[in-house]
Amino acid sequence: MARCLLLKSAENVCSRCVRTSNWQWHLDEVFVKINGELHYLWRAVDHEGEVLESFVTKRRDRKAALKFIRKSMKRYGHPHMLVTDKLRSYGAAMKDIGNAERQETGRWQNNRAENSHLPFRRRERAMQRFRSMRSLQKFAAVHASVSNHFNQERTSTPETISS
């Protein structure tokens, strides 16, 4: 869950939440075997390493990428920059949405998302794989919220300390 800050200024005192995770997102997908079939776990990670969204699909095409990006944007708003790997599905989906100029790809730019898969893989081995897409989706959601809660990489600003 994205942390919210209270917006206060001299002109108006406003208590609406402003999401802080809209600066930069890292999108990536992971290959996961479920009962011998290949599935894909799509993940969105913000610039602090917090997992925003997880989504399980059977395919790795434009339609799946579009569904995942729309679901993430509906929940967390539009980011200023999306960092992805060079999978062409992201480019096609971003072109459909109209955010093609906000996408960045590079050789090591997406390491934030790649490193967020490591604890997930460790836990997957301990559980001895997954039996269904539903159990994988539930586990990914719970694992993300727990790891976000105990994430030590977050920056501590005075606004987040005082609340």
N, C-alpha and C. Protein backbone atom coordinates (compact mmCIF):
# COMPACT_ATOMS: atom_id res chain seq x y z
N MET A 1 0.84 -1.17 0.00
CA MET A 1 0.00 0.00 0.00
C MET A 1 0.89 1.24 0.00
N ALA A 2 0.52 2.21 -0.77
CA ALA A 2 1.31 3.42 -0.84
C ALA A 2 1.07 4.26 0.40
N ARG A 3 2.15 4.86 0.87
CA ARG A 3 2.02 5.73 2.03
C ARG A 3 1.44 7.08 1.60
N CYS A 4 0.65 7.69 2.45
CA CYS A 4 0.02 8.97 2.12
C CYS A 4 0.60 10.06 3.02
N LEU A 5 0.68 11.23 2.49
CA LEU A 5 1.15 12.39 3.24
C LEU A 5 0.02 13.39 3.34
N LEU A 6 -0.04 14.10 4.43
CA LEU A 6 -1.03 15.15 4.59
C LEU A 6 -0.51 16.40 3.91
N LEU A 7 -1.32 16.96 3.05
CA LEU A 7 -0.92 18.13 2.30
C LEU A 7 -1.39 19.37 3.05
N LYS A 8 -0.46 20.20 3.51
CA LYS A 8 -0.81 21.41 4.24
C LYS A 8 -0.07 22.58 3.64
N SER A 9 -0.76 23.66 3.40
CA SER A 9 -0.13 24.87 2.90
C SER A 9 -0.74 26.06 3.61
N ALA A 10 -0.13 27.24 3.43
CA ALA A 10 -0.60 28.45 4.09
C ALA A 10 -1.96 28.89 3.56
N GLU A 11 -2.20 28.70 2.26
CA GLU A 11 -3.46 29.15 1.67
C GLU A 11 -4.63 28.26 2.06
N ASN A 12 -4.41 26.96 1.96
CA ASN A 12 -5.50 26.03 2.27
C ASN A 12 -4.95 24.84 3.06
N VAL A 13 -5.73 24.40 3.99
CA VAL A 13 -5.36 23.20 4.73
C VAL A 13 -6.22 22.08 4.16
N CYS A 14 -5.56 21.15 3.55
CA CYS A 14 -6.27 20.08 2.85
C CYS A 14 -5.89 18.74 3.48
N SER A 15 -6.86 17.89 3.73
CA SER A 15 -6.57 16.62 4.36
C SER A 15 -6.67 15.45 3.40
N ARG A 16 -6.66 15.71 2.09
CA ARG A 16 -6.72 14.60 1.14
C ARG A 16 -5.34 13.96 1.02
N CYS A 17 -5.33 12.73 0.68
CA CYS A 17 -4.07 11.99 0.59
C CYS A 17 -3.44 12.19 -0.78
N VAL A 18 -2.14 12.36 -0.79
CA VAL A 18 -1.37 12.44 -2.02
C VAL A 18 -0.46 11.23 -2.03
N ARG A 19 -0.58 10.40 -3.04
CA ARG A 19 0.22 9.18 -3.10
C ARG A 19 1.65 9.55 -3.48
N THR A 20 2.59 8.95 -2.76
CA THR A 20 4.00 9.26 -2.99
C THR A 20 4.67 8.27 -3.92
N SER A 21 3.96 7.22 -4.34
CA SER A 21 4.59 6.20 -5.15
C SER A 21 4.40 6.44 -6.65
N ASN A 22 3.99 7.62 -7.03
CA ASN A 22 3.72 7.89 -8.44
C ASN A 22 4.92 8.45 -9.19
N TRP A 23 6.08 8.48 -8.60
CA TRP A 23 7.22 9.05 -9.29
C TRP A 23 7.77 8.09 -10.34
N GLN A 24 8.16 6.90 -9.92
CA GLN A 24 8.76 5.95 -10.84
C GLN A 24 8.36 4.53 -10.47
N TRP A 25 7.88 3.78 -11.46
CA TRP A 25 7.53 2.38 -11.25
C TRP A 25 8.46 1.51 -12.07
N HIS A 26 8.75 0.32 -11.56
CA HIS A 26 9.52 -0.68 -12.27
C HIS A 26 8.58 -1.87 -12.52
N LEU A 27 8.40 -2.25 -13.76
CA LEU A 27 7.51 -3.36 -14.12
C LEU A 27 8.34 -4.54 -14.59
N ASP A 28 7.95 -5.74 -14.17
CA ASP A 28 8.67 -6.93 -14.59
C ASP A 28 7.76 -8.13 -14.46
N GLU A 29 8.13 -9.21 -15.13
CA GLU A 29 7.37 -10.45 -15.04
C GLU A 29 8.31 -11.58 -14.68
N VAL A 30 7.76 -12.58 -14.00
CA VAL A 30 8.53 -13.73 -13.53
C VAL A 30 7.86 -14.99 -14.07
N PHE A 31 8.66 -15.94 -14.52
CA PHE A 31 8.14 -17.23 -14.96
C PHE A 31 7.91 -18.09 -13.73
N VAL A 32 6.71 -18.65 -13.61
CA VAL A 32 6.37 -19.51 -12.48
C VAL A 32 5.70 -20.76 -13.04
N LYS A 33 6.13 -21.92 -12.59
CA LYS A 33 5.51 -23.17 -13.02
C LYS A 33 4.44 -23.57 -12.02
N ILE A 34 3.25 -23.85 -12.55
CA ILE A 34 2.14 -24.34 -11.73
C ILE A 34 1.69 -25.65 -12.34
N ASN A 35 1.89 -26.73 -11.63
CA ASN A 35 1.56 -28.08 -12.12
C ASN A 35 2.17 -28.35 -13.49
N GLY A 36 3.38 -27.96 -13.70
CA GLY A 36 4.09 -28.21 -14.94
C GLY A 36 3.81 -27.22 -16.05
N GLU A 37 2.83 -26.32 -15.89
CA GLU A 37 2.50 -25.32 -16.90
C GLU A 37 3.18 -24.01 -16.55
N LEU A 38 3.63 -23.30 -17.57
CA LEU A 38 4.30 -22.02 -17.37
C LEU A 38 3.28 -20.90 -17.23
N HIS A 39 3.38 -20.13 -16.16
CA HIS A 39 2.54 -18.96 -15.93
C HIS A 39 3.46 -17.77 -15.67
N TYR A 40 2.89 -16.58 -15.65
CA TYR A 40 3.68 -15.36 -15.48
C TYR A 40 3.12 -14.53 -14.34
N LEU A 41 3.99 -14.13 -13.44
CA LEU A 41 3.63 -13.24 -12.34
C LEU A 41 4.16 -11.86 -12.69
N TRP A 42 3.26 -10.93 -12.98
CA TRP A 42 3.63 -9.56 -13.32
C TRP A 42 3.70 -8.77 -12.01
N ARG A 43 4.73 -7.92 -11.87
CA ARG A 43 4.88 -7.15 -10.63
C ARG A 43 5.22 -5.70 -10.95
N ALA A 44 4.64 -4.80 -10.17
CA ALA A 44 4.97 -3.38 -10.23
C ALA A 44 5.61 -3.00 -8.91
N VAL A 45 6.80 -2.39 -8.98
CA VAL A 45 7.56 -2.00 -7.79
C VAL A 45 7.84 -0.51 -7.89
N ASP A 46 7.67 0.22 -6.80
CA ASP A 46 7.94 1.66 -6.86
C ASP A 46 9.42 1.95 -6.65
N HIS A 47 9.79 3.22 -6.65
CA HIS A 47 11.20 3.60 -6.60
C HIS A 47 11.86 3.27 -5.27
N GLU A 48 11.08 2.94 -4.24
CA GLU A 48 11.65 2.58 -2.94
C GLU A 48 11.72 1.07 -2.74
N GLY A 49 11.28 0.30 -3.71
CA GLY A 49 11.33 -1.15 -3.59
C GLY A 49 10.05 -1.74 -3.04
N GLU A 50 9.02 -0.94 -2.88
CA GLU A 50 7.76 -1.43 -2.35
C GLU A 50 6.94 -2.04 -3.48
N VAL A 51 6.44 -3.26 -3.29
CA VAL A 51 5.65 -3.94 -4.31
C VAL A 51 4.26 -3.32 -4.32
N LEU A 52 3.88 -2.77 -5.47
CA LEU A 52 2.58 -2.12 -5.59
C LEU A 52 1.49 -3.11 -5.99
N GLU A 53 1.78 -3.91 -7.00
CA GLU A 53 0.74 -4.78 -7.57
C GLU A 53 1.37 -6.08 -8.06
N SER A 54 0.62 -7.17 -7.93
CA SER A 54 1.01 -8.48 -8.45
C SER A 54 -0.17 -9.03 -9.24
N PHE A 55 0.14 -9.70 -10.35
CA PHE A 55 -0.92 -10.18 -11.22
C PHE A 55 -0.44 -11.43 -11.93
N VAL A 56 -1.24 -12.51 -11.92
CA VAL A 56 -0.86 -13.78 -12.51
C VAL A 56 -1.65 -13.99 -13.81
N THR A 57 -0.93 -14.35 -14.89
CA THR A 57 -1.57 -14.65 -16.17
C THR A 57 -0.95 -15.90 -16.78
N LYS A 58 -1.64 -16.44 -17.78
CA LYS A 58 -1.11 -17.58 -18.52
C LYS A 58 -0.28 -17.13 -19.71
N ARG A 59 -0.48 -15.90 -20.15
CA ARG A 59 0.21 -15.40 -21.34
C ARG A 59 1.08 -14.20 -21.02
N ARG A 60 1.96 -13.90 -21.96
CA ARG A 60 2.90 -12.79 -21.78
C ARG A 60 2.84 -11.89 -23.01
N ASP A 61 1.62 -11.47 -23.36
CA ASP A 61 1.42 -10.69 -24.57
C ASP A 61 0.94 -9.28 -24.24
N ARG A 62 0.59 -8.53 -25.29
CA ARG A 62 0.16 -7.15 -25.13
C ARG A 62 -1.11 -7.06 -24.29
N LYS A 63 -2.03 -7.98 -24.49
CA LYS A 63 -3.30 -7.96 -23.76
C LYS A 63 -3.08 -8.12 -22.26
N ALA A 64 -2.21 -9.04 -21.87
CA ALA A 64 -1.91 -9.26 -20.45
C ALA A 64 -1.19 -8.05 -19.85
N ALA A 65 -0.23 -7.48 -20.60
CA ALA A 65 0.48 -6.31 -20.11
C ALA A 65 -0.46 -5.11 -19.96
N LEU A 66 -1.37 -4.95 -20.92
CA LEU A 66 -2.33 -3.86 -20.87
C LEU A 66 -3.26 -3.99 -19.66
N LYS A 67 -3.73 -5.21 -19.41
CA LYS A 67 -4.60 -5.46 -18.26
C LYS A 67 -3.88 -5.16 -16.94
N PHE A 68 -2.62 -5.59 -16.86
CA PHE A 68 -1.83 -5.36 -15.65
C PHE A 68 -1.55 -3.87 -15.42
N ILE A 69 -1.17 -3.16 -16.47
CA ILE A 69 -0.86 -1.73 -16.33
C ILE A 69 -2.11 -0.94 -15.99
N ARG A 70 -3.23 -1.25 -16.63
CA ARG A 70 -4.48 -0.55 -16.33
C ARG A 70 -4.93 -0.81 -14.89
N LYS A 71 -4.79 -2.04 -14.44
CA LYS A 71 -5.16 -2.39 -13.06
C LYS A 71 -4.30 -1.62 -12.06
N SER A 72 -3.00 -1.53 -12.34
CA SER A 72 -2.10 -0.81 -11.44
C SER A 72 -2.39 0.68 -11.43
N MET A 73 -2.62 1.25 -12.62
CA MET A 73 -2.89 2.69 -12.71
C MET A 73 -4.22 3.06 -12.10
N LYS A 74 -5.20 2.17 -12.19
CA LYS A 74 -6.50 2.44 -11.59
C LYS A 74 -6.38 2.51 -10.07
N ARG A 75 -5.53 1.66 -9.52
CA ARG A 75 -5.38 1.62 -8.06
C ARG A 75 -4.43 2.68 -7.52
N TYR A 76 -3.34 2.97 -8.23
CA TYR A 76 -2.30 3.86 -7.70
C TYR A 76 -2.11 5.16 -8.48
N GLY A 77 -2.87 5.39 -9.53
CA GLY A 77 -2.70 6.61 -10.31
C GLY A 77 -1.64 6.43 -11.39
N HIS A 78 -1.38 7.50 -12.12
CA HIS A 78 -0.43 7.44 -13.22
C HIS A 78 0.97 7.83 -12.75
N PRO A 79 1.96 6.99 -13.01
CA PRO A 79 3.34 7.34 -12.63
C PRO A 79 3.96 8.31 -13.63
N HIS A 80 4.98 9.02 -13.20
CA HIS A 80 5.69 9.93 -14.09
C HIS A 80 6.59 9.16 -15.05
N MET A 81 7.10 8.01 -14.60
CA MET A 81 8.03 7.24 -15.42
C MET A 81 7.82 5.74 -15.14
N LEU A 82 7.82 4.95 -16.21
CA LEU A 82 7.72 3.50 -16.09
C LEU A 82 9.00 2.88 -16.62
N VAL A 83 9.71 2.16 -15.77
CA VAL A 83 10.95 1.49 -16.18
C VAL A 83 10.61 0.02 -16.40
N THR A 84 10.92 -0.47 -17.60
CA THR A 84 10.61 -1.86 -17.94
C THR A 84 11.84 -2.51 -18.55
N ASP A 85 11.75 -3.83 -18.74
CA ASP A 85 12.77 -4.49 -19.54
C ASP A 85 12.38 -4.30 -21.02
N LYS A 86 13.07 -4.96 -21.91
CA LYS A 86 12.83 -4.69 -23.33
C LYS A 86 11.78 -5.60 -23.95
N LEU A 87 10.89 -6.14 -23.14
CA LEU A 87 9.79 -6.94 -23.65
C LEU A 87 8.87 -6.05 -24.48
N ARG A 88 8.55 -6.47 -25.69
CA ARG A 88 7.79 -5.63 -26.60
C ARG A 88 6.33 -5.47 -26.19
N SER A 89 5.84 -6.35 -25.33
CA SER A 89 4.46 -6.24 -24.86
C SER A 89 4.24 -4.95 -24.08
N TYR A 90 5.24 -4.53 -23.31
CA TYR A 90 5.12 -3.27 -22.56
C TYR A 90 4.97 -2.09 -23.51
N GLY A 91 5.80 -2.05 -24.55
CA GLY A 91 5.73 -0.95 -25.50
C GLY A 91 4.39 -0.87 -26.21
N ALA A 92 3.86 -2.03 -26.61
CA ALA A 92 2.57 -2.08 -27.28
C ALA A 92 1.45 -1.63 -26.35
N ALA A 93 1.51 -2.08 -25.08
CA ALA A 93 0.49 -1.69 -24.11
C ALA A 93 0.57 -0.20 -23.79
N MET A 94 1.79 0.31 -23.66
CA MET A 94 1.96 1.74 -23.38
C MET A 94 1.48 2.59 -24.55
N LYS A 95 1.66 2.10 -25.76
CA LYS A 95 1.18 2.82 -26.93
C LYS A 95 -0.35 2.87 -26.94
N ASP A 96 -1.00 1.77 -26.53
CA ASP A 96 -2.46 1.74 -26.45
C ASP A 96 -2.99 2.73 -25.42
N ILE A 97 -2.31 2.82 -24.29
CA ILE A 97 -2.73 3.72 -23.23
C ILE A 97 -2.43 5.17 -23.59
N GLY A 98 -1.34 5.38 -24.31
CA GLY A 98 -0.93 6.74 -24.68
C GLY A 98 0.21 7.24 -23.82
N ASN A 99 0.92 6.34 -23.14
CA ASN A 99 2.03 6.71 -22.27
C ASN A 99 3.37 6.25 -22.82
N ALA A 100 3.49 6.12 -24.12
CA ALA A 100 4.72 5.57 -24.70
C ALA A 100 5.93 6.43 -24.39
N GLU A 101 5.76 7.73 -24.24
CA GLU A 101 6.89 8.60 -23.96
C GLU A 101 7.36 8.52 -22.51
N ARG A 102 6.56 7.93 -21.64
CA ARG A 102 6.93 7.79 -20.22
C ARG A 102 7.68 6.50 -19.93
N GLN A 103 7.82 5.64 -20.91
CA GLN A 103 8.48 4.35 -20.70
C GLN A 103 9.98 4.49 -20.92
N GLU A 104 10.74 3.88 -20.01
CA GLU A 104 12.20 3.84 -20.14
C GLU A 104 12.65 2.39 -20.09
N THR A 105 13.56 2.03 -20.98
CA THR A 105 14.15 0.70 -20.95
C THR A 105 15.66 0.87 -20.96
N GLY A 106 16.32 -0.02 -20.30
CA GLY A 106 17.78 0.06 -20.25
C GLY A 106 18.34 -1.24 -19.73
N ARG A 107 19.64 -1.35 -19.81
CA ARG A 107 20.27 -2.61 -19.48
C ARG A 107 20.15 -2.95 -17.99
N TRP A 108 20.47 -2.02 -17.12
CA TRP A 108 20.42 -2.31 -15.67
C TRP A 108 19.41 -1.44 -14.95
N GLN A 109 18.56 -0.75 -15.68
CA GLN A 109 17.62 0.16 -15.04
C GLN A 109 16.54 -0.57 -14.25
N ASN A 110 16.23 -1.79 -14.64
CA ASN A 110 15.13 -2.50 -14.00
C ASN A 110 15.59 -3.44 -12.88
N ASN A 111 16.76 -3.20 -12.32
CA ASN A 111 17.27 -4.06 -11.25
C ASN A 111 16.41 -4.00 -9.99
N ARG A 112 15.73 -2.89 -9.76
CA ARG A 112 14.85 -2.76 -8.59
C ARG A 112 13.77 -3.84 -8.62
N ALA A 113 13.17 -4.05 -9.79
CA ALA A 113 12.12 -5.07 -9.92
C ALA A 113 12.71 -6.47 -9.89
N GLU A 114 13.88 -6.64 -10.53
CA GLU A 114 14.50 -7.97 -10.56
C GLU A 114 14.90 -8.42 -9.15
N ASN A 115 15.39 -7.51 -8.33
CA ASN A 115 15.80 -7.86 -6.97
C ASN A 115 14.61 -8.13 -6.06
N SER A 116 13.43 -7.59 -6.40
CA SER A 116 12.26 -7.85 -5.58
C SER A 116 11.74 -9.27 -5.77
N HIS A 117 12.20 -9.97 -6.83
CA HIS A 117 11.78 -11.35 -7.05
C HIS A 117 12.52 -12.34 -6.16
N LEU A 118 13.68 -11.97 -5.66
CA LEU A 118 14.52 -12.92 -4.93
C LEU A 118 13.87 -13.47 -3.67
N PRO A 119 13.29 -12.63 -2.78
CA PRO A 119 12.63 -13.20 -1.60
C PRO A 119 11.43 -14.06 -1.98
N PHE A 120 10.75 -13.67 -3.06
CA PHE A 120 9.61 -14.45 -3.54
C PHE A 120 10.06 -15.85 -3.98
N ARG A 121 11.16 -15.93 -4.71
CA ARG A 121 11.69 -17.22 -5.17
C ARG A 121 12.13 -18.09 -3.99
N ARG A 122 12.74 -17.45 -2.99
CA ARG A 122 13.17 -18.19 -1.80
C ARG A 122 11.96 -18.82 -1.09
N ARG A 123 10.90 -18.04 -0.97
CA ARG A 123 9.69 -18.52 -0.31
C ARG A 123 8.99 -19.60 -1.15
N GLU A 124 9.04 -19.43 -2.48
CA GLU A 124 8.44 -20.41 -3.38
C GLU A 124 9.11 -21.77 -3.23
N ARG A 125 10.44 -21.79 -3.12
CA ARG A 125 11.15 -23.05 -2.92
C ARG A 125 10.78 -23.69 -1.59
N ALA A 126 10.61 -22.87 -0.56
CA ALA A 126 10.25 -23.41 0.75
C ALA A 126 8.85 -24.02 0.74
N MET A 127 7.96 -23.43 -0.07
CA MET A 127 6.59 -23.96 -0.16
C MET A 127 6.48 -25.14 -1.12
N GLN A 128 7.55 -25.46 -1.82
CA GLN A 128 7.59 -26.55 -2.80
C GLN A 128 6.60 -26.31 -3.94
N ARG A 129 6.72 -25.14 -4.53
CA ARG A 129 5.94 -24.74 -5.72
C ARG A 129 4.48 -24.44 -5.38
N PHE A 130 3.74 -24.06 -6.42
CA PHE A 130 2.33 -23.71 -6.26
C PHE A 130 1.46 -24.73 -6.98
N ARG A 131 0.22 -24.89 -6.51
CA ARG A 131 -0.69 -25.88 -7.09
C ARG A 131 -1.70 -25.26 -8.05
N SER A 132 -2.04 -23.97 -7.88
CA SER A 132 -3.03 -23.34 -8.75
C SER A 132 -2.72 -21.86 -8.91
N MET A 133 -3.31 -21.25 -9.94
CA MET A 133 -3.12 -19.82 -10.17
C MET A 133 -3.69 -19.00 -9.01
N ARG A 134 -4.80 -19.47 -8.47
CA ARG A 134 -5.45 -18.75 -7.37
C ARG A 134 -4.56 -18.71 -6.13
N SER A 135 -3.95 -19.84 -5.80
CA SER A 135 -3.08 -19.86 -4.61
C SER A 135 -1.84 -19.00 -4.83
N LEU A 136 -1.33 -18.96 -6.08
CA LEU A 136 -0.19 -18.09 -6.38
C LEU A 136 -0.57 -16.63 -6.24
N GLN A 137 -1.75 -16.24 -6.76
CA GLN A 137 -2.21 -14.85 -6.66
C GLN A 137 -2.39 -14.44 -5.21
N LYS A 138 -3.00 -15.30 -4.41
CA LYS A 138 -3.20 -14.99 -2.99
C LYS A 138 -1.86 -14.87 -2.26
N PHE A 139 -0.95 -15.82 -2.53
CA PHE A 139 0.34 -15.78 -1.87
C PHE A 139 1.12 -14.53 -2.27
N ALA A 140 1.09 -14.16 -3.54
CA ALA A 140 1.83 -12.98 -4.01
C ALA A 140 1.31 -11.72 -3.34
N ALA A 141 0.00 -11.61 -3.18
CA ALA A 141 -0.58 -10.42 -2.53
C ALA A 141 -0.17 -10.34 -1.06
N VAL A 142 -0.27 -11.45 -0.35
CA VAL A 142 0.07 -11.47 1.08
C VAL A 142 1.58 -11.27 1.26
N HIS A 143 2.37 -11.94 0.45
CA HIS A 143 3.83 -11.81 0.54
C HIS A 143 4.26 -10.37 0.28
N ALA A 144 3.63 -9.70 -0.68
CA ALA A 144 3.97 -8.32 -0.99
C ALA A 144 3.64 -7.39 0.18
N SER A 145 2.46 -7.57 0.78
CA SER A 145 2.08 -6.68 1.88
C SER A 145 2.97 -6.89 3.10
N VAL A 146 3.34 -8.13 3.38
CA VAL A 146 4.22 -8.40 4.53
C VAL A 146 5.62 -7.88 4.27
N SER A 147 6.14 -8.11 3.06
CA SER A 147 7.50 -7.63 2.77
C SER A 147 7.54 -6.10 2.71
N ASN A 148 6.46 -5.46 2.26
CA ASN A 148 6.41 -3.99 2.28
C ASN A 148 6.43 -3.46 3.71
N HIS A 149 5.76 -4.17 4.60
CA HIS A 149 5.70 -3.73 5.99
C HIS A 149 7.08 -3.77 6.65
N PHE A 150 7.87 -4.77 6.32
CA PHE A 150 9.18 -4.92 6.94
C PHE A 150 10.32 -4.46 6.04
N ASN A 151 10.02 -3.71 5.01
CA ASN A 151 11.04 -3.23 4.07
C ASN A 151 11.94 -2.21 4.75
N GLN A 152 13.25 -2.44 4.74
CA GLN A 152 14.20 -1.55 5.39
C GLN A 152 14.81 -0.53 4.44
N GLU A 153 14.54 -0.64 3.13
CA GLU A 153 15.16 0.25 2.16
C GLU A 153 14.47 1.60 2.05
N ARG A 154 13.30 1.73 2.66
CA ARG A 154 12.54 2.97 2.53
C ARG A 154 13.32 4.16 3.05
N THR A 155 13.13 5.26 2.40
CA THR A 155 13.74 6.49 2.88
C THR A 155 12.88 7.04 3.99
N SER A 156 13.48 7.59 5.01
CA SER A 156 12.70 8.17 6.10
C SER A 156 12.77 9.69 6.00
N THR A 157 11.62 10.27 5.73
CA THR A 157 11.50 11.72 5.66
C THR A 157 10.79 12.21 6.89
N PRO A 158 10.93 13.48 7.24
CA PRO A 158 10.24 13.97 8.45
C PRO A 158 8.74 13.80 8.40
N GLU A 159 8.13 13.84 7.19
CA GLU A 159 6.70 13.69 7.08
C GLU A 159 6.26 12.28 7.46
N THR A 160 7.03 11.28 7.06
CA THR A 160 6.63 9.90 7.36
C THR A 160 6.97 9.52 8.79
N ILE A 161 7.94 10.17 9.41
CA ILE A 161 8.31 9.85 10.79
C ILE A 161 7.26 10.41 11.75
N SER A 162 6.75 11.62 11.48
CA SER A 162 5.85 12.27 12.41
C SER A 162 4.46 11.63 12.43
N SER A 163 4.08 10.90 11.36
CA SER A 163 2.73 10.32 11.34
C SER A 163 2.67 8.95 11.94
